[in-house]
Amino acid sequence: MLKSVSTAFVFAVALAFVVIAFNPTHASALGLVEAQAKVQIQADVEALLAQYADDPDGLEVAIEVYVTRSEYPLIAAQVIVAVAVGLPTDCALKVALGRGLGAAITVIALTNPTTATNMLALVVSLGDETLVAAVSVGTSDKTASIGQNAGGGGEGVGDNDETPEEPASAT
């Protein structure tokens, strides 16, 4: 009887090992999905570069829209940064990629500040001064645009404010 229990135990352990060894875990499956997404994003970014090769302003807007609508904005940022770093410093398309990414980071920060912070940290960590400056301009421009559209910022705000400088006295 002990022999049959031992055999059953060994069989169960072996079966469990086989199931674990040949069944992809959730983490590896997620890694595969992200790897596939990266390949697709790379192709999309290259297509946008080709489409807007003579239109840096159009590329800037296209990158902003692409990243903000992406299911994987951090991966999109990684791909865009890698492409931008590979371009010459004085390339207008590099600046457009950075400005578009900066605008997207600002929009994403409204709903997902952690992802936006990670995207910005990625850009800064590479130390490419041209790209960092372009992203900074993109975030500043988009922040100003959001402020205007929300009714904030701009001149004259608060000019008609009738709130007293000092609170009213209790007496």
Protein backbone atom coordinates (compact mmCIF):
# COMPACT_ATOMS: atom_id res chain seq x y z
CA MET A 1 0.00 0.00 0.00
CA LEU A 2 2.84 2.38 0.79
CA LYS A 3 4.29 1.67 -2.60
CA SER A 4 1.07 2.67 -4.40
CA VAL A 5 0.79 5.88 -2.32
CA SER A 6 4.40 6.75 -3.12
CA THR A 7 3.84 6.05 -6.79
CA ALA A 8 0.72 8.22 -6.78
CA PHE A 9 2.59 11.01 -5.01
CA VAL A 10 5.51 10.87 -7.47
CA PHE A 11 3.04 10.84 -10.35
CA ALA A 12 1.20 13.88 -8.95
CA VAL A 13 4.44 15.81 -8.44
CA ALA A 14 5.59 14.94 -11.96
CA LEU A 15 2.24 16.00 -13.39
CA ALA A 16 2.36 19.29 -11.49
CA PHE A 17 5.88 19.90 -12.78
CA VAL A 18 4.78 19.26 -16.37
CA VAL A 19 1.80 21.60 -16.01
CA ILE A 20 3.98 24.36 -14.55
CA ALA A 21 6.80 23.86 -17.04
CA PHE A 22 4.62 23.90 -20.14
CA ASN A 23 1.95 26.39 -19.11
CA PRO A 24 2.98 30.03 -19.58
CA THR A 25 2.51 32.09 -16.48
CA HIS A 26 0.46 35.25 -16.46
CA ALA A 27 3.61 37.35 -16.24
CA SER A 28 5.23 35.74 -19.25
CA ALA A 29 1.99 35.97 -21.21
CA LEU A 30 1.78 39.66 -20.34
CA GLY A 31 5.41 40.06 -21.41
CA LEU A 32 4.57 38.48 -24.75
CA VAL A 33 1.62 40.83 -25.27
CA GLU A 34 3.80 43.83 -24.43
CA ALA A 35 6.53 42.60 -26.79
CA GLN A 36 3.96 42.28 -29.57
CA ALA A 37 2.64 45.74 -28.75
CA LYS A 38 6.18 47.14 -28.95
CA VAL A 39 6.67 45.65 -32.41
CA GLN A 40 3.37 47.17 -33.57
CA ILE A 41 4.14 50.55 -32.01
CA GLN A 42 7.58 50.55 -33.67
CA ALA A 43 5.95 49.96 -37.05
CA ASP A 44 3.35 52.66 -36.38
CA VAL A 45 5.94 55.26 -35.34
CA GLU A 46 8.08 54.49 -38.38
CA ALA A 47 5.00 54.89 -40.58
CA LEU A 48 4.23 58.26 -38.96
CA LEU A 49 7.82 59.37 -39.53
CA ALA A 50 7.55 58.44 -43.19
CA GLN A 51 4.13 60.06 -43.55
CA TYR A 52 5.22 63.34 -41.94
CA ALA A 53 8.84 63.42 -43.14
CA ASP A 54 8.29 66.92 -44.56
CA ASP A 55 5.80 68.12 -41.94
CA PRO A 56 7.24 68.33 -38.41
CA ASP A 57 4.14 70.11 -37.10
CA GLY A 58 1.94 67.33 -38.43
CA LEU A 59 4.24 64.74 -36.85
CA GLU A 60 4.02 66.52 -33.50
CA VAL A 61 0.22 66.35 -33.50
CA ALA A 62 0.18 62.77 -34.79
CA ILE A 63 2.54 61.61 -32.03
CA GLU A 64 0.47 63.35 -29.36
CA VAL A 65 -2.72 61.70 -30.60
CA TYR A 66 -1.06 58.30 -31.04
CA VAL A 67 0.43 58.20 -27.53
CA THR A 68 -2.65 59.54 -25.74
CA ARG A 69 -4.83 56.95 -27.45
CA SER A 70 -2.36 54.10 -27.00
CA GLU A 71 -3.24 51.15 -24.81
CA TYR A 72 0.45 51.09 -23.84
CA PRO A 73 1.56 54.73 -23.55
CA LEU A 74 4.76 53.90 -21.67
CA ILE A 75 5.83 51.45 -24.36
CA ALA A 76 4.93 54.03 -26.99
CA ALA A 77 7.13 56.55 -25.18
CA GLN A 78 9.99 54.03 -25.09
CA VAL A 79 9.75 53.48 -28.83
CA ILE A 80 9.45 57.19 -29.64
CA VAL A 81 12.41 58.05 -27.42
CA ALA A 82 14.52 55.32 -29.02
CA VAL A 83 13.66 56.61 -32.50
CA ALA A 84 14.27 60.24 -31.51
CA VAL A 85 17.63 59.51 -29.89
CA GLY A 86 18.72 57.92 -33.16
CA LEU A 87 18.04 61.11 -35.12
CA PRO A 88 20.61 63.91 -35.54
CA THR A 89 20.53 66.68 -32.92
CA ASP A 90 19.48 69.37 -35.40
CA CYS A 91 16.71 67.26 -36.98
CA ALA A 92 13.29 68.94 -36.98
CA LEU A 93 11.61 65.53 -36.74
CA LYS A 94 13.46 64.83 -33.48
CA VAL A 95 12.07 68.04 -32.01
CA ALA A 96 8.59 67.19 -33.32
CA LEU A 97 8.75 63.73 -31.72
CA GLY A 98 9.75 65.31 -28.42
CA ARG A 99 7.13 68.03 -28.52
CA GLY A 100 4.39 65.55 -29.41
CA LEU A 101 5.51 63.21 -26.64
CA GLY A 102 5.60 66.11 -24.18
CA ALA A 103 2.05 67.10 -25.08
CA ALA A 104 0.92 63.50 -24.67
CA ILE A 105 2.59 63.27 -21.27
CA THR A 106 0.64 66.33 -20.15
CA VAL A 107 -2.67 64.84 -21.29
CA ILE A 108 -1.91 61.44 -19.74
CA ALA A 109 -0.95 63.12 -16.45
CA LEU A 110 -4.56 64.27 -16.07
CA THR A 111 -5.79 60.69 -15.64
CA ASN A 112 -2.66 58.63 -14.97
CA PRO A 113 0.03 60.69 -13.25
CA THR A 114 2.19 57.64 -12.47
CA THR A 115 2.49 56.66 -16.12
CA ALA A 116 3.17 60.28 -17.09
CA THR A 117 5.90 60.54 -14.46
CA ASN A 118 7.48 57.31 -15.69
CA MET A 119 7.37 58.56 -19.27
CA LEU A 120 9.05 61.83 -18.29
CA ALA A 121 11.67 60.00 -16.23
CA LEU A 122 12.46 57.84 -19.26
CA VAL A 123 13.13 60.90 -21.39
CA VAL A 124 15.25 62.62 -18.77
CA SER A 125 17.26 59.47 -17.99
CA LEU A 126 18.71 59.35 -21.49
CA GLY A 127 20.31 62.77 -21.17
CA ASP A 128 19.60 63.82 -24.76
CA GLU A 129 19.40 67.60 -24.25
CA THR A 130 17.58 68.29 -27.51
CA LEU A 131 14.92 65.70 -26.77
CA VAL A 132 14.51 66.80 -23.14
CA ALA A 133 14.11 70.42 -24.26
CA ALA A 134 11.56 69.43 -26.93
CA VAL A 135 9.52 67.38 -24.45
CA SER A 136 9.63 70.31 -22.02
CA VAL A 137 8.31 72.70 -24.67
CA GLY A 138 5.60 70.19 -25.61
CA THR A 139 4.45 69.85 -22.00
CA SER A 140 4.51 73.64 -21.46
CA ASP A 141 2.56 74.34 -24.65
CA LYS A 142 -0.04 71.67 -23.84
CA THR A 143 -0.36 72.85 -20.25
CA ALA A 144 -1.02 76.39 -21.49
CA SER A 145 -3.53 75.07 -24.02
CA ILE A 146 -5.37 73.07 -21.37
CA GLY A 147 -5.38 76.12 -19.09
CA GLN A 148 -6.91 78.29 -21.82
CA ASN A 149 -9.52 75.69 -22.72
CA ALA A 150 -10.47 75.32 -19.07
CA GLY A 151 -10.85 79.06 -18.68
CA GLY A 152 -7.73 79.40 -16.57
CA GLY A 153 -4.63 81.42 -17.28
CA GLY A 154 -4.69 84.31 -19.64
CA GLU A 155 -4.67 88.00 -18.94
CA GLY A 156 -7.38 89.70 -16.97
CA VAL A 157 -8.24 86.69 -14.86
CA GLY A 158 -9.34 87.92 -11.48
CA ASP A 159 -9.80 91.54 -12.61
CA ASN A 160 -13.51 91.39 -11.85
CA ASP A 161 -13.07 89.58 -8.55
CA GLU A 162 -15.18 91.35 -5.96
CA THR A 163 -13.93 89.32 -3.02
CA PRO A 164 -12.64 91.69 -0.34
CA GLU A 165 -8.91 91.64 0.36
CA GLU A 166 -9.59 91.23 4.08
CA PRO A 167 -12.38 89.25 5.68
CA ALA A 168 -15.31 91.25 7.05
CA SER A 169 -15.11 92.18 10.67
CA ALA A 170 -17.38 90.39 13.12
CA THR A 171 -18.43 93.72 14.69
